[in-house]
C-alpha atoms as a PDB file:
ATOM      1  CA  MET A   1      -1.808  22.300 -16.196  1.00  0.00           C
ATOM      2  CA  GLY A   2      -1.181  20.417 -19.805  1.00  0.00           C
ATOM      3  CA  SER A   3      -1.214  22.453 -22.898  1.00  0.00           C
ATOM      4  CA  SER A   4      -4.049  22.125 -25.076  1.00  0.00           C
ATOM      5  CA  LYS A   5      -4.017  20.270 -28.182  1.00  0.00           C
ATOM      6  CA  ASN A   6      -4.828  23.676 -29.858  1.00  0.00           C
ATOM      7  CA  ASP A   7      -1.161  23.937 -29.377  1.00  0.00           C
ATOM      8  CA  LEU A   8      -0.070  21.591 -31.295  1.00  0.00           C
ATOM      9  CA  PHE A   9      -1.137  23.736 -34.421  1.00  0.00           C
ATOM     10  CA  THR A  10       0.044  27.432 -35.981  1.00  0.00           C
ATOM     11  CA  SER A  11      -2.187  30.009 -35.408  1.00  0.00           C
ATOM     12  CA  GLU A  12      -3.195  30.570 -38.707  1.00  0.00           C
ATOM     13  CA  GLN A  13      -4.718  26.527 -38.776  1.00  0.00           C
ATOM     14  CA  ASN A  14      -6.116  27.240 -35.219  1.00  0.00           C
ATOM     15  CA  ARG A  15      -8.354  30.606 -36.614  1.00  0.00           C
ATOM     16  CA  ILE A  16      -8.864  28.672 -39.907  1.00  0.00           C
ATOM     17  CA  ALA A  17     -10.403  26.434 -38.145  1.00  0.00           C
ATOM     18  CA  GLU A  18     -12.269  28.499 -35.869  1.00  0.00           C
ATOM     19  CA  LEU A  19     -13.984  30.359 -39.136  1.00  0.00           C
ATOM     20  CA  ALA A  20     -14.032  26.434 -40.781  1.00  0.00           C
ATOM     21  CA  LYS A  21     -16.845  25.944 -38.296  1.00  0.00           C
ATOM     22  CA  ALA A  22     -18.516  28.449 -37.615  1.00  0.00           C
ATOM     23  CA  LEU A  23     -19.783  28.744 -41.424  1.00  0.00           C
ATOM     24  CA  GLY A  24     -19.711  24.945 -40.801  1.00  0.00           C
ATOM     25  CA  HIS A  25     -23.990  25.085 -41.207  1.00  0.00           C
ATOM     26  CA  PRO A  26     -26.734  25.521 -43.871  1.00  0.00           C
ATOM     27  CA  ALA A  27     -27.940  27.525 -42.088  1.00  0.00           C
ATOM     28  CA  ARG A  28     -25.733  29.993 -40.911  1.00  0.00           C
ATOM     29  CA  ILE A  29     -24.311  30.481 -44.544  1.00  0.00           C
ATOM     30  CA  ALA A  30     -28.164  31.634 -45.792  1.00  0.00           C
ATOM     31  CA  ILE A  31     -27.995  34.142 -42.633  1.00  0.00           C
ATOM     32  CA  LEU A  32     -24.693  35.178 -44.381  1.00  0.00           C
ATOM     33  CA  GLU A  33     -26.220  35.307 -48.150  1.00  0.00           C
ATOM     34  CA  TYR A  34     -29.401  36.755 -46.504  1.00  0.00           C
ATOM     35  CA  VAL A  35     -26.887  39.641 -44.905  1.00  0.00           C
ATOM     36  CA  ILE A  36     -24.893  40.310 -47.712  1.00  0.00           C
ATOM     37  CA  ARG A  37     -27.748  40.592 -49.931  1.00  0.00           C
ATOM     38  CA  LYS A  38     -29.569  43.086 -47.816  1.00  0.00           C
ATOM     39  CA  ASN A  39     -26.184  45.427 -47.764  1.00  0.00           C
ATOM     40  CA  ALA A  40     -27.021  46.598 -44.965  1.00  0.00           C
ATOM     41  CA  CYS A  41     -27.570  45.496 -40.630  1.00  0.00           C
ATOM     42  CA  VAL A  42     -30.231  43.599 -40.492  1.00  0.00           C
ATOM     43  CA  CYS A  43     -32.057  43.176 -37.433  1.00  0.00           C
ATOM     44  CA  GLY A  44     -35.211  41.105 -36.744  1.00  0.00           C
ATOM     45  CA  ASP A  45     -35.970  40.070 -40.757  1.00  0.00           C
ATOM     46  CA  ILE A  46     -34.109  37.066 -40.424  1.00  0.00           C
ATOM     47  CA  VAL A  47     -36.256  34.827 -38.790  1.00  0.00           C
ATOM     48  CA  ASP A  48     -39.109  36.138 -41.613  1.00  0.00           C
ATOM     49  CA  GLU A  49     -36.469  34.853 -44.024  1.00  0.00           C
ATOM     50  CA  LEU A  50     -35.531  31.842 -42.582  1.00  0.00           C
ATOM     51  CA  PRO A  51     -37.507  28.283 -41.899  1.00  0.00           C
ATOM     52  CA  LEU A  52     -36.241  27.816 -38.447  1.00  0.00           C
ATOM     53  CA  SER A  53     -37.340  29.221 -35.268  1.00  0.00           C
ATOM     54  CA  GLN A  54     -36.384  32.618 -33.554  1.00  0.00           C
ATOM     55  CA  SER A  55     -33.735  30.860 -30.609  1.00  0.00           C
ATOM     56  CA  THR A  56     -32.301  28.652 -33.405  1.00  0.00           C
ATOM     57  CA  ILE A  57     -31.361  31.480 -35.447  1.00  0.00           C
ATOM     58  CA  SER A  58     -29.592  33.416 -32.231  1.00  0.00           C
ATOM     59  CA  GLN A  59     -28.003  30.666 -31.430  1.00  0.00           C
ATOM     60  CA  HIS A  60     -26.198  30.184 -35.123  1.00  0.00           C
ATOM     61  CA  LEU A  61     -25.694  34.287 -34.883  1.00  0.00           C
ATOM     62  CA  LYS A  62     -24.498  33.845 -31.973  1.00  0.00           C
ATOM     63  CA  ALA A  63     -21.697  31.664 -33.274  1.00  0.00           C
ATOM     64  CA  LEU A  64     -20.879  33.386 -36.425  1.00  0.00           C
ATOM     65  CA  LYS A  65     -20.739  36.896 -33.865  1.00  0.00           C
ATOM     66  CA  MET A  66     -17.968  34.416 -31.388  1.00  0.00           C
ATOM     67  CA  ALA A  67     -16.152  34.105 -34.183  1.00  0.00           C
ATOM     68  CA  GLY A  68     -16.282  37.286 -35.510  1.00  0.00           C
ATOM     69  CA  ILE A  69     -18.044  37.367 -39.218  1.00  0.00           C
ATOM     70  CA  LEU A  70     -21.246  39.366 -38.151  1.00  0.00           C
ATOM     71  CA  GLN A  71     -20.694  42.398 -35.521  1.00  0.00           C
ATOM     72  CA  GLY A  72     -24.053  43.555 -33.852  1.00  0.00           C
ATOM     73  CA  ASN A  73     -24.738  46.642 -32.945  1.00  0.00           C
ATOM     74  CA  VAL A  74     -27.744  47.598 -30.425  1.00  0.00           C
ATOM     75  CA  GLU A  75     -30.561  49.707 -32.022  1.00  0.00           C
ATOM     76  CA  GLY A  76     -33.350  49.846 -28.991  1.00  0.00           C
ATOM     77  CA  ALA A  77     -34.422  46.823 -28.286  1.00  0.00           C
ATOM     78  CA  LYS A  78     -33.020  44.833 -30.780  1.00  0.00           C
ATOM     79  CA  ILE A  79     -29.603  43.433 -32.130  1.00  0.00           C
ATOM     80  CA  CYS A  80     -28.731  44.504 -35.596  1.00  0.00           C
ATOM     81  CA  TYR A  81     -26.235  42.938 -37.253  1.00  0.00           C
ATOM     82  CA  CYS A  82     -24.034  43.022 -40.432  1.00  0.00           C
ATOM     83  CA  ILE A  83     -20.599  42.047 -41.582  1.00  0.00           C
ATOM     84  CA  ASN A  84     -17.577  42.362 -39.977  1.00  0.00           C
ATOM     85  CA  PRO A  85     -15.431  43.378 -42.753  1.00  0.00           C
ATOM     86  CA  LYS A  86     -12.454  42.948 -40.921  1.00  0.00           C
ATOM     87  CA  VAL A  87     -12.915  39.510 -40.156  1.00  0.00           C
ATOM     88  CA  TRP A  88     -14.173  38.509 -43.194  1.00  0.00           C
ATOM     89  CA  THR A  89     -11.304  40.274 -45.405  1.00  0.00           C
ATOM     90  CA  GLU A  90      -9.384  37.964 -43.024  1.00  0.00           C
ATOM     91  CA  LEU A  91     -11.683  35.503 -43.456  1.00  0.00           C
ATOM     92  CA  ASN A  92     -10.958  35.560 -47.146  1.00  0.00           C
ATOM     93  CA  THR A  93      -7.420  35.812 -47.318  1.00  0.00           C
ATOM     94  CA  LEU A  94      -6.985  32.781 -44.770  1.00  0.00           C
ATOM     95  CA  MET A  95      -9.076  30.359 -47.447  1.00  0.00           C
ATOM     96  CA  SER A  96      -7.012  32.131 -50.375  1.00  0.00           C
ATOM     97  CA  HIS A  97      -3.975  31.248 -49.171  1.00  0.00           C
ATOM     98  CA  PHE A  98      -4.813  27.572 -48.131  1.00  0.00           C
ATOM     99  CA  PHE A  99      -6.646  27.149 -51.127  1.00  0.00           C
ATOM    100  CA  LYS A 100      -3.557  28.059 -53.028  1.00  0.00           C
ATOM    101  CA  THR A 101      -1.301  26.019 -51.537  1.00  0.00           C
ATOM    102  CA  TYR A 102      -2.684  23.017 -53.323  1.00  0.00           C
ATOM    103  CA  THR A 103      -1.418  21.454 -56.415  1.00  0.00           C
ATOM    104  CA  ASN A 104      -2.986  18.880 -58.354  1.00  0.00           C
ATOM    105  CA  CYS A 105      -0.185  15.684 -56.660  1.00  0.00           C
ATOM    106  CA  CYS A 106      -2.746  12.901 -58.274  1.00  0.00           C
END
């Protein structure tokens, strides 16, 4: 079996790309902003806050959870979401390091 194109890049480059892809939709940014603003686990409220259907929001939540940015806890029949502090710190560290590598070259 051949190697994946991801094998051509560092684990850090792959992780930045994975996290950036998870952040790559304005609805996901709006979801994260809402969760951060609430500063608590959020259950069904997200559907009331965003002009999107339940199924669309669920797809975006799934993408954020798969990247690890959100974590979900089952509370009764609901899944409540909050920021995963470990991955949030990882994202901050990776992006800070990435942006600090730039020097004004033009």
